[in-house]
Amino acid sequence: MSKLQAFQSLARVYIADENLTVLESTIHQIASQLHFHYE
């Protein structure tokens, strides 16, 4: 499991009550920002 996958799994559980479409968008935004930190 990659660091990103682990983060996504944690985020899905932690923010389970949020709208999933918004959550997916947020994850992709965060992932794009983290990309350069986890090459």
N, C-alpha and C. Protein backbone atom coordinates (compact mmCIF):
# COMPACT_ATOMS: atom_id res chain seq x y z
N MET A 1 0.85 -1.20 0.00
CA MET A 1 0.00 0.00 0.00
C MET A 1 0.88 1.25 0.00
N SER A 2 0.64 2.13 -0.93
CA SER A 2 1.42 3.36 -1.01
C SER A 2 1.00 4.32 0.10
N LYS A 3 1.83 5.32 0.33
CA LYS A 3 1.50 6.32 1.34
C LYS A 3 0.20 7.03 1.00
N LEU A 4 -0.01 7.29 -0.30
CA LEU A 4 -1.24 7.96 -0.73
C LEU A 4 -2.46 7.09 -0.47
N GLN A 5 -2.36 5.80 -0.77
CA GLN A 5 -3.48 4.89 -0.53
C GLN A 5 -3.80 4.82 0.96
N ALA A 6 -2.77 4.78 1.78
CA ALA A 6 -2.98 4.74 3.23
C ALA A 6 -3.68 6.01 3.69
N PHE A 7 -3.25 7.15 3.14
CA PHE A 7 -3.88 8.42 3.49
C PHE A 7 -5.33 8.45 3.05
N GLN A 8 -5.61 7.98 1.84
CA GLN A 8 -6.98 7.97 1.33
C GLN A 8 -7.88 7.10 2.22
N SER A 9 -7.38 5.95 2.62
CA SER A 9 -8.16 5.05 3.47
C SER A 9 -8.47 5.72 4.80
N LEU A 10 -7.46 6.35 5.39
CA LEU A 10 -7.64 7.04 6.66
C LEU A 10 -8.62 8.20 6.51
N ALA A 11 -8.46 8.96 5.44
CA ALA A 11 -9.35 10.10 5.21
C ALA A 11 -10.80 9.65 5.04
N ARG A 12 -11.01 8.55 4.34
CA ARG A 12 -12.37 8.04 4.12
C ARG A 12 -13.03 7.67 5.44
N VAL A 13 -12.27 7.06 6.34
CA VAL A 13 -12.81 6.67 7.63
C VAL A 13 -13.02 7.90 8.52
N TYR A 14 -12.01 8.76 8.55
CA TYR A 14 -12.04 9.92 9.44
C TYR A 14 -13.14 10.91 9.07
N ILE A 15 -13.40 11.06 7.78
CA ILE A 15 -14.40 12.03 7.33
C ILE A 15 -15.58 11.29 6.70
N ALA A 16 -15.99 10.21 7.34
CA ALA A 16 -17.02 9.33 6.78
C ALA A 16 -18.35 10.05 6.55
N ASP A 17 -18.63 11.10 7.31
CA ASP A 17 -19.91 11.79 7.19
C ASP A 17 -19.92 12.86 6.11
N GLU A 18 -18.75 13.15 5.54
CA GLU A 18 -18.68 14.18 4.50
C GLU A 18 -19.21 13.64 3.17
N ASN A 19 -19.60 14.53 2.29
CA ASN A 19 -20.02 14.14 0.94
C ASN A 19 -18.84 13.51 0.22
N LEU A 20 -19.01 12.31 -0.31
CA LEU A 20 -17.89 11.58 -0.91
C LEU A 20 -17.31 12.29 -2.13
N THR A 21 -18.14 12.96 -2.89
CA THR A 21 -17.63 13.68 -4.06
C THR A 21 -16.71 14.80 -3.63
N VAL A 22 -17.09 15.52 -2.60
CA VAL A 22 -16.25 16.59 -2.06
C VAL A 22 -14.98 16.00 -1.49
N LEU A 23 -15.10 14.88 -0.79
CA LEU A 23 -13.94 14.22 -0.21
C LEU A 23 -12.96 13.77 -1.29
N GLU A 24 -13.47 13.16 -2.34
CA GLU A 24 -12.61 12.73 -3.45
C GLU A 24 -11.86 13.93 -4.02
N SER A 25 -12.56 15.03 -4.23
CA SER A 25 -11.94 16.23 -4.77
C SER A 25 -10.85 16.74 -3.83
N THR A 26 -11.15 16.75 -2.55
CA THR A 26 -10.18 17.21 -1.55
C THR A 26 -8.95 16.31 -1.54
N ILE A 27 -9.16 15.00 -1.60
CA ILE A 27 -8.04 14.05 -1.62
C ILE A 27 -7.16 14.30 -2.83
N HIS A 28 -7.76 14.50 -3.99
CA HIS A 28 -6.97 14.75 -5.19
C HIS A 28 -6.20 16.06 -5.10
N GLN A 29 -6.81 17.07 -4.50
CA GLN A 29 -6.12 18.35 -4.33
C GLN A 29 -4.93 18.19 -3.39
N ILE A 30 -5.14 17.49 -2.27
CA ILE A 30 -4.06 17.26 -1.31
C ILE A 30 -2.97 16.40 -1.94
N ALA A 31 -3.38 15.37 -2.66
CA ALA A 31 -2.42 14.47 -3.30
C ALA A 31 -1.54 15.23 -4.29
N SER A 32 -2.13 16.15 -5.04
CA SER A 32 -1.35 16.91 -6.01
C SER A 32 -0.34 17.80 -5.30
N GLN A 33 -0.68 18.25 -4.11
CA GLN A 33 0.24 19.08 -3.33
C GLN A 33 1.32 18.23 -2.68
N LEU A 34 0.98 17.00 -2.29
CA LEU A 34 1.94 16.12 -1.62
C LEU A 34 2.86 15.41 -2.60
N HIS A 35 2.48 15.38 -3.86
CA HIS A 35 3.22 14.61 -4.87
C HIS A 35 4.71 14.87 -4.83
N PHE A 36 5.10 16.11 -4.71
CA PHE A 36 6.51 16.47 -4.76
C PHE A 36 7.25 16.11 -3.47
N HIS A 37 6.51 15.87 -2.41
CA HIS A 37 7.12 15.49 -1.14
C HIS A 37 7.35 13.99 -1.04
N TYR A 38 6.63 13.21 -1.83
CA TYR A 38 6.71 11.75 -1.76
C TYR A 38 7.01 11.16 -3.13
N GLU A 39 8.14 11.51 -3.69
CA GLU A 39 8.49 10.98 -5.00
C GLU A 39 9.13 9.60 -4.87
